[in-house]
PDB file of N, CA and C in Angstrom:
ATOM      1  N   MET A   1       0.858  -1.169   0.000  1.00  0.00           N
ATOM      2  CA  MET A   1       0.000   0.000   0.000  1.00  0.00           C
ATOM      3  C   MET A   1       0.901   1.228   0.000  1.00  0.00           C
ATOM      4  N   THR A   2       0.528   2.233  -0.764  1.00  0.00           N
ATOM      5  CA  THR A   2       1.342   3.445  -0.834  1.00  0.00           C
ATOM      6  C   THR A   2       1.193   4.280   0.430  1.00  0.00           C
ATOM      7  N   GLU A   3       2.148   5.173   0.625  1.00  0.00           N
ATOM      8  CA  GLU A   3       2.093   6.053   1.795  1.00  0.00           C
ATOM      9  C   GLU A   3       0.853   6.942   1.760  1.00  0.00           C
ATOM     10  N   LEU A   4       0.529   7.432   0.574  1.00  0.00           N
ATOM     11  CA  LEU A   4      -0.629   8.317   0.459  1.00  0.00           C
ATOM     12  C   LEU A   4      -1.917   7.583   0.818  1.00  0.00           C
ATOM     13  N   LEU A   5      -2.060   6.353   0.343  1.00  0.00           N
ATOM     14  CA  LEU A   5      -3.257   5.586   0.664  1.00  0.00           C
ATOM     15  C   LEU A   5      -3.301   5.257   2.158  1.00  0.00           C
ATOM     16  N   GLU A   6      -2.158   4.928   2.724  1.00  0.00           N
ATOM     17  CA  GLU A   6      -2.106   4.680   4.164  1.00  0.00           C
ATOM     18  C   GLU A   6      -2.531   5.921   4.943  1.00  0.00           C
ATOM     19  N   LYS A   7      -2.074   7.092   4.486  1.00  0.00           N
ATOM     20  CA  LYS A   7      -2.444   8.345   5.152  1.00  0.00           C
ATOM     21  C   LYS A   7      -3.952   8.580   5.051  1.00  0.00           C
ATOM     22  N   ALA A   8      -4.505   8.332   3.871  1.00  0.00           N
ATOM     23  CA  ALA A   8      -5.945   8.518   3.672  1.00  0.00           C
ATOM     24  C   ALA A   8      -6.735   7.596   4.588  1.00  0.00           C
ATOM     25  N   PHE A   9      -6.349   6.326   4.645  1.00  0.00           N
ATOM     26  CA  PHE A   9      -7.051   5.384   5.519  1.00  0.00           C
ATOM     27  C   PHE A   9      -6.878   5.750   6.986  1.00  0.00           C
ATOM     28  N   SER A  10      -5.718   6.263   7.325  1.00  0.00           N
ATOM     29  CA  SER A  10      -5.479   6.689   8.700  1.00  0.00           C
ATOM     30  C   SER A  10      -6.435   7.832   9.077  1.00  0.00           C
ATOM     31  N   GLU A  11      -6.591   8.774   8.167  1.00  0.00           N
ATOM     32  CA  GLU A  11      -7.498   9.898   8.418  1.00  0.00           C
ATOM     33  C   GLU A  11      -8.945   9.439   8.486  1.00  0.00           C
ATOM     34  N   VAL A  12      -9.320   8.552   7.585  1.00  0.00           N
ATOM     35  CA  VAL A  12     -10.691   8.042   7.573  1.00  0.00           C
ATOM     36  C   VAL A  12     -10.977   7.266   8.860  1.00  0.00           C
ATOM     37  N   SER A  13      -9.972   6.581   9.377  1.00  0.00           N
ATOM     38  CA  SER A  13     -10.191   5.787  10.594  1.00  0.00           C
ATOM     39  C   SER A  13     -10.497   6.658  11.808  1.00  0.00           C
ATOM     40  N   LYS A  14     -10.240   7.951  11.702  1.00  0.00           N
ATOM     41  CA  LYS A  14     -10.528   8.878  12.799  1.00  0.00           C
ATOM     42  C   LYS A  14     -11.980   9.365  12.776  1.00  0.00           C
ATOM     43  N   LEU A  15     -12.662   9.109  11.690  1.00  0.00           N
ATOM     44  CA  LEU A  15     -14.052   9.549  11.549  1.00  0.00           C
ATOM     45  C   LEU A  15     -14.984   8.622  12.320  1.00  0.00           C
ATOM     46  N   PRO A  16     -16.180   9.105  12.610  1.00  0.00           N
ATOM     47  CA  PRO A  16     -17.179   8.231  13.224  1.00  0.00           C
ATOM     48  C   PRO A  16     -17.484   7.042  12.297  1.00  0.00           C
ATOM     49  N   GLU A  17     -17.937   5.953  12.898  1.00  0.00           N
ATOM     50  CA  GLU A  17     -18.171   4.718  12.154  1.00  0.00           C
ATOM     51  C   GLU A  17     -19.099   4.917  10.959  1.00  0.00           C
ATOM     52  N   LEU A  18     -20.156   5.699  11.123  1.00  0.00           N
ATOM     53  CA  LEU A  18     -21.094   5.939  10.033  1.00  0.00           C
ATOM     54  C   LEU A  18     -20.403   6.597   8.837  1.00  0.00           C
ATOM     55  N   GLN A  19     -19.544   7.567   9.099  1.00  0.00           N
ATOM     56  CA  GLN A  19     -18.814   8.234   8.018  1.00  0.00           C
ATOM     57  C   GLN A  19     -17.779   7.303   7.397  1.00  0.00           C
ATOM     58  N   GLN A  20     -17.165   6.455   8.208  1.00  0.00           N
ATOM     59  CA  GLN A  20     -16.218   5.482   7.669  1.00  0.00           C
ATOM     60  C   GLN A  20     -16.928   4.539   6.702  1.00  0.00           C
ATOM     61  N   ASP A  21     -18.101   4.049   7.105  1.00  0.00           N
ATOM     62  CA  ASP A  21     -18.859   3.155   6.235  1.00  0.00           C
ATOM     63  C   ASP A  21     -19.293   3.865   4.957  1.00  0.00           C
ATOM     64  N   SER A  22     -19.684   5.113   5.076  1.00  0.00           N
ATOM     65  CA  SER A  22     -20.082   5.894   3.905  1.00  0.00           C
ATOM     66  C   SER A  22     -18.907   6.035   2.947  1.00  0.00           C
ATOM     67  N   PHE A  23     -17.741   6.348   3.491  1.00  0.00           N
ATOM     68  CA  PHE A  23     -16.540   6.472   2.660  1.00  0.00           C
ATOM     69  C   PHE A  23     -16.204   5.128   2.013  1.00  0.00           C
ATOM     70  N   ALA A  24     -16.293   4.055   2.778  1.00  0.00           N
ATOM     71  CA  ALA A  24     -15.976   2.725   2.253  1.00  0.00           C
ATOM     72  C   ALA A  24     -16.911   2.353   1.107  1.00  0.00           C
ATOM     73  N   ARG A  25     -18.219   2.616   1.276  1.00  0.00           N
ATOM     74  CA  ARG A  25     -19.167   2.337   0.188  1.00  0.00           C
ATOM     75  C   ARG A  25     -18.817   3.145  -1.053  1.00  0.00           C
ATOM     76  N   TRP A  26     -18.515   4.435  -0.865  1.00  0.00           N
ATOM     77  CA  TRP A  26     -18.168   5.291  -2.002  1.00  0.00           C
ATOM     78  C   TRP A  26     -16.917   4.762  -2.709  1.00  0.00           C
ATOM     79  N   LEU A  27     -15.895   4.416  -1.937  1.00  0.00           N
ATOM     80  CA  LEU A  27     -14.649   3.932  -2.522  1.00  0.00           C
ATOM     81  C   LEU A  27     -14.869   2.629  -3.286  1.00  0.00           C
ATOM     82  N   LEU A  28     -15.602   1.714  -2.717  1.00  0.00           N
ATOM     83  CA  LEU A  28     -15.886   0.445  -3.390  1.00  0.00           C
ATOM     84  C   LEU A  28     -16.695   0.657  -4.666  1.00  0.00           C
ATOM     85  N   GLU A  29     -17.640   1.592  -4.641  1.00  0.00           N
ATOM     86  CA  GLU A  29     -18.421   1.903  -5.848  1.00  0.00           C
ATOM     87  C   GLU A  29     -17.529   2.515  -6.925  1.00  0.00           C
ATOM     88  N   GLU A  30     -16.608   3.378  -6.526  1.00  0.00           N
ATOM     89  CA  GLU A  30     -15.677   3.981  -7.485  1.00  0.00           C
ATOM     90  C   GLU A  30     -14.791   2.918  -8.125  1.00  0.00           C
ATOM     91  N   ILE A  31     -14.289   2.009  -7.321  1.00  0.00           N
ATOM     92  CA  ILE A  31     -13.446   0.932  -7.842  1.00  0.00           C
ATOM     93  C   ILE A  31     -14.234   0.068  -8.817  1.00  0.00           C
ATOM     94  N   ALA A  32     -15.456  -0.283  -8.456  1.00  0.00           N
ATOM     95  CA  ALA A  32     -16.302  -1.089  -9.340  1.00  0.00           C
ATOM     96  C   ALA A  32     -16.587  -0.344 -10.640  1.00  0.00           C
ATOM     97  N   SER A  33     -16.830   0.953 -10.546  1.00  0.00           N
ATOM     98  CA  SER A  33     -17.093   1.758 -11.737  1.00  0.00           C
ATOM     99  C   SER A  33     -15.881   1.780 -12.663  1.00  0.00           C
ATOM    100  N   GLU A  34     -14.705   1.956 -12.096  1.00  0.00           N
ATOM    101  CA  GLU A  34     -13.470   1.954 -12.898  1.00  0.00           C
ATOM    102  C   GLU A  34     -13.275   0.603 -13.570  1.00  0.00           C
ATOM    103  N   GLN A  35     -13.568  -0.468 -12.856  1.00  0.00           N
ATOM    104  CA  GLN A  35     -13.430  -1.803 -13.432  1.00  0.00           C
ATOM    105  C   GLN A  35     -14.407  -2.003 -14.586  1.00  0.00           C
ATOM    106  N   ARG A  36     -15.628  -1.480 -14.430  1.00  0.00           N
ATOM    107  CA  ARG A  36     -16.610  -1.585 -15.529  1.00  0.00           C
ATOM    108  C   ARG A  36     -16.138  -0.803 -16.746  1.00  0.00           C
ATOM    109  N   TRP A  37     -15.614   0.418 -16.540  1.00  0.00           N
ATOM    110  CA  TRP A  37     -15.101   1.209 -17.656  1.00  0.00           C
ATOM    111  C   TRP A  37     -13.948   0.489 -18.343  1.00  0.00           C
ATOM    112  N   ASP A  38     -13.015  -0.041 -17.555  1.00  0.00           N
ATOM    113  CA  ASP A  38     -11.884  -0.763 -18.133  1.00  0.00           C
ATOM    114  C   ASP A  38     -12.360  -1.928 -18.986  1.00  0.00           C
ATOM    115  N   LYS A  39     -13.327  -2.682 -18.480  1.00  0.00           N
ATOM    116  CA  LYS A  39     -13.854  -3.822 -19.232  1.00  0.00           C
ATOM    117  C   LYS A  39     -14.567  -3.346 -20.496  1.00  0.00           C
ATOM    118  N   SER A  40     -15.360  -2.286 -20.383  1.00  0.00           N
ATOM    119  CA  SER A  40     -16.077  -1.769 -21.554  1.00  0.00           C
ATOM    120  C   SER A  40     -15.106  -1.351 -22.647  1.00  0.00           C
ATOM    121  N   PHE A  41     -14.051  -0.645 -22.264  1.00  0.00           N
ATOM    122  CA  PHE A  41     -13.079  -0.205 -23.263  1.00  0.00           C
ATOM    123  C   PHE A  41     -12.300  -1.366 -23.845  1.00  0.00           C
ATOM    124  N   SER A  42     -11.911  -2.318 -23.020  1.00  0.00           N
ATOM    125  CA  SER A  42     -11.147  -3.450 -23.553  1.00  0.00           C
ATOM    126  C   SER A  42     -12.017  -4.316 -24.457  1.00  0.00           C
ATOM    127  N   ASP A  43     -13.298  -4.425 -24.143  1.00  0.00           N
ATOM    128  CA  ASP A  43     -14.206  -5.225 -24.960  1.00  0.00           C
ATOM    129  C   ASP A  43     -14.589  -4.529 -26.262  1.00  0.00           C
ATOM    130  N   SER A  44     -14.352  -3.226 -26.365  1.00  0.00           N
ATOM    131  CA  SER A  44     -14.816  -2.487 -27.540  1.00  0.00           C
ATOM    132  C   SER A  44     -13.686  -2.028 -28.454  1.00  0.00           C
ATOM    133  N   GLN A  45     -12.478  -2.532 -28.255  1.00  0.00           N
ATOM    134  CA  GLN A  45     -11.354  -2.074 -29.060  1.00  0.00           C
ATOM    135  C   GLN A  45     -11.549  -2.337 -30.546  1.00  0.00           C
ATOM    136  N   ASP A  46     -12.067  -3.500 -30.912  1.00  0.00           N
ATOM    137  CA  ASP A  46     -12.291  -3.806 -32.325  1.00  0.00           C
ATOM    138  C   ASP A  46     -13.311  -2.851 -32.936  1.00  0.00           C
ATOM    139  N   LEU A  47     -14.399  -2.609 -32.213  1.00  0.00           N
ATOM    140  CA  LEU A  47     -15.429  -1.697 -32.704  1.00  0.00           C
ATOM    141  C   LEU A  47     -14.884  -0.281 -32.827  1.00  0.00           C
ATOM    142  N   LEU A  48     -14.147   0.184 -31.809  1.00  0.00           N
ATOM    143  CA  LEU A  48     -13.581   1.528 -31.863  1.00  0.00           C
ATOM    144  C   LEU A  48     -12.595   1.670 -33.019  1.00  0.00           C
ATOM    145  N   SER A  49     -11.811   0.644 -33.257  1.00  0.00           N
ATOM    146  CA  SER A  49     -10.861   0.660 -34.368  1.00  0.00           C
ATOM    147  C   SER A  49     -11.594   0.761 -35.704  1.00  0.00           C
ATOM    148  N   GLN A  50     -12.654  -0.015 -35.860  1.00  0.00           N
ATOM    149  CA  GLN A  50     -13.444   0.021 -37.094  1.00  0.00           C
ATOM    150  C   GLN A  50     -14.090   1.396 -37.289  1.00  0.00           C
ATOM    151  N   LEU A  51     -14.644   1.972 -36.213  1.00  0.00           N
ATOM    152  CA  LEU A  51     -15.250   3.300 -36.319  1.00  0.00           C
ATOM    153  C   LEU A  51     -14.218   4.358 -36.691  1.00  0.00           C
ATOM    154  N   ALA A  52     -13.023   4.250 -36.144  1.00  0.00           N
ATOM    155  CA  ALA A  52     -11.954   5.199 -36.469  1.00  0.00           C
ATOM    156  C   ALA A  52     -11.575   5.082 -37.941  1.00  0.00           C
ATOM    157  N   LYS A  53     -11.470   3.853 -38.453  1.00  0.00           N
ATOM    158  CA  LYS A  53     -11.138   3.653 -39.869  1.00  0.00           C
ATOM    159  C   LYS A  53     -12.217   4.265 -40.758  1.00  0.00           C
ATOM    160  N   GLU A  54     -13.478   4.061 -40.386  1.00  0.00           N
ATOM    161  CA  GLU A  54     -14.580   4.630 -41.165  1.00  0.00           C
ATOM    162  C   GLU A  54     -14.543   6.155 -41.139  1.00  0.00           C
ATOM    163  N   ALA A  55     -14.275   6.728 -39.979  1.00  0.00           N
ATOM    164  CA  ALA A  55     -14.212   8.185 -39.863  1.00  0.00           C
ATOM    165  C   ALA A  55     -13.076   8.746 -40.705  1.00  0.00           C
ATOM    166  N   LEU A  56     -11.913   8.105 -40.677  1.00  0.00           N
ATOM    167  CA  LEU A  56     -10.785   8.568 -41.495  1.00  0.00           C
ATOM    168  C   LEU A  56     -11.097   8.452 -42.983  1.00  0.00           C
ATOM    169  N   ALA A  57     -11.752   7.372 -43.380  1.00  0.00           N
ATOM    170  CA  ALA A  57     -12.122   7.198 -44.787  1.00  0.00           C
ATOM    171  C   ALA A  57     -13.094   8.291 -45.228  1.00  0.00           C
ATOM    172  N   GLU A  58     -14.069   8.609 -44.385  1.00  0.00           N
ATOM    173  CA  GLU A  58     -15.009   9.688 -44.705  1.00  0.00           C
ATOM    174  C   GLU A  58     -14.283  11.024 -44.809  1.00  0.00           C
ATOM    175  N   HIS A  59     -13.355  11.263 -43.921  1.00  0.00           N
ATOM    176  CA  HIS A  59     -12.599  12.518 -43.948  1.00  0.00           C
ATOM    177  C   HIS A  59     -11.759  12.613 -45.224  1.00  0.00           C
ATOM    178  N   ARG A  60     -11.078  11.529 -45.565  1.00  0.00           N
ATOM    179  CA  ARG A  60     -10.232  11.519 -46.766  1.00  0.00           C
ATOM    180  C   ARG A  60     -11.050  11.686 -48.041  1.00  0.00           C
ATOM    181  N   SER A  61     -12.295  11.230 -48.030  1.00  0.00           N
ATOM    182  CA  SER A  61     -13.127  11.348 -49.227  1.00  0.00           C
ATOM    183  C   SER A  61     -13.895  12.667 -49.269  1.00  0.00           C
ATOM    184  N   GLY A  62     -13.615  13.565 -48.308  1.00  0.00           N
ATOM    185  CA  GLY A  62     -14.240  14.886 -48.328  1.00  0.00           C
ATOM    186  C   GLY A  62     -15.644  14.927 -47.766  1.00  0.00           C
ATOM    187  N   LYS A  63     -16.053  13.937 -47.051  1.00  0.00           N
ATOM    188  CA  LYS A  63     -17.410  13.890 -46.507  1.00  0.00           C
ATOM    189  C   LYS A  63     -17.523  14.564 -45.136  1.00  0.00           C
ATOM    190  N   THR A  64     -16.450  15.167 -44.666  1.00  0.00           N
ATOM    191  CA  THR A  64     -16.470  15.828 -43.368  1.00  0.00           C
ATOM    192  C   THR A  64     -16.180  17.307 -43.537  1.00  0.00           C
ATOM    193  N   ARG A  65     -16.452  18.060 -42.488  1.00  0.00           N
ATOM    194  CA  ARG A  65     -16.118  19.484 -42.500  1.00  0.00           C
ATOM    195  C   ARG A  65     -15.639  19.873 -41.108  1.00  0.00           C
ATOM    196  N   LEU A  66     -14.878  20.950 -41.028  1.00  0.00           N
ATOM    197  CA  LEU A  66     -14.368  21.412 -39.752  1.00  0.00           C
ATOM    198  C   LEU A  66     -15.534  21.841 -38.855  1.00  0.00           C
ATOM    199  N   LEU A  67     -15.374  21.576 -37.589  1.00  0.00           N
ATOM    200  CA  LEU A  67     -16.378  21.973 -36.624  1.00  0.00           C
ATOM    201  C   LEU A  67     -16.181  23.441 -36.275  1.00  0.00           C
ATOM    202  N   ASP A  68     -17.239  24.216 -36.378  1.00  0.00           N
ATOM    203  CA  ASP A  68     -17.212  25.631 -36.006  1.00  0.00           C
ATOM    204  C   ASP A  68     -17.988  25.778 -34.696  1.00  0.00           C
ATOM    205  N   PRO A  69     -17.278  25.915 -33.569  1.00  0.00           N
ATOM    206  CA  PRO A  69     -17.968  26.007 -32.283  1.00  0.00           C
ATOM    207  C   PRO A  69     -18.962  27.153 -32.221  1.00  0.00           C
ATOM    208  N   ASP A  70     -18.735  28.208 -32.973  1.00  0.00           N
ATOM    209  CA  ASP A  70     -19.657  29.338 -32.962  1.00  0.00           C
ATOM    210  C   ASP A  70     -20.999  29.007 -33.612  1.00  0.00           C
ATOM    211  N   SER A  71     -21.024  27.976 -34.419  1.00  0.00           N
ATOM    212  CA  SER A  71     -22.287  27.626 -35.101  1.00  0.00           C
ATOM    213  C   SER A  71     -23.084  26.588 -34.332  1.00  0.00           C
ATOM    214  N   LEU A  72     -22.597  26.190 -33.173  1.00  0.00           N
ATOM    215  CA  LEU A  72     -23.328  25.180 -32.399  1.00  0.00           C
ATOM    216  C   LEU A  72     -24.504  25.782 -31.686  1.00  0.00           C
TER     217      LEU A  72
END
């Protein structure tokens, strides 16, 4: 465990039990969310690659135009 994480847990351990549990739930949810994002991205690499190839082909064939933020 890193020093920073140890320091964070040390500080959290000083909080009342209810706040510690709240922090623990939040941290576990964040970790689960990151794991879901990682899985989603790793599972979609082929699709993302294909979409990128299609976008580049459209751009090369003149089917795209520069985005003008003022016209949004």
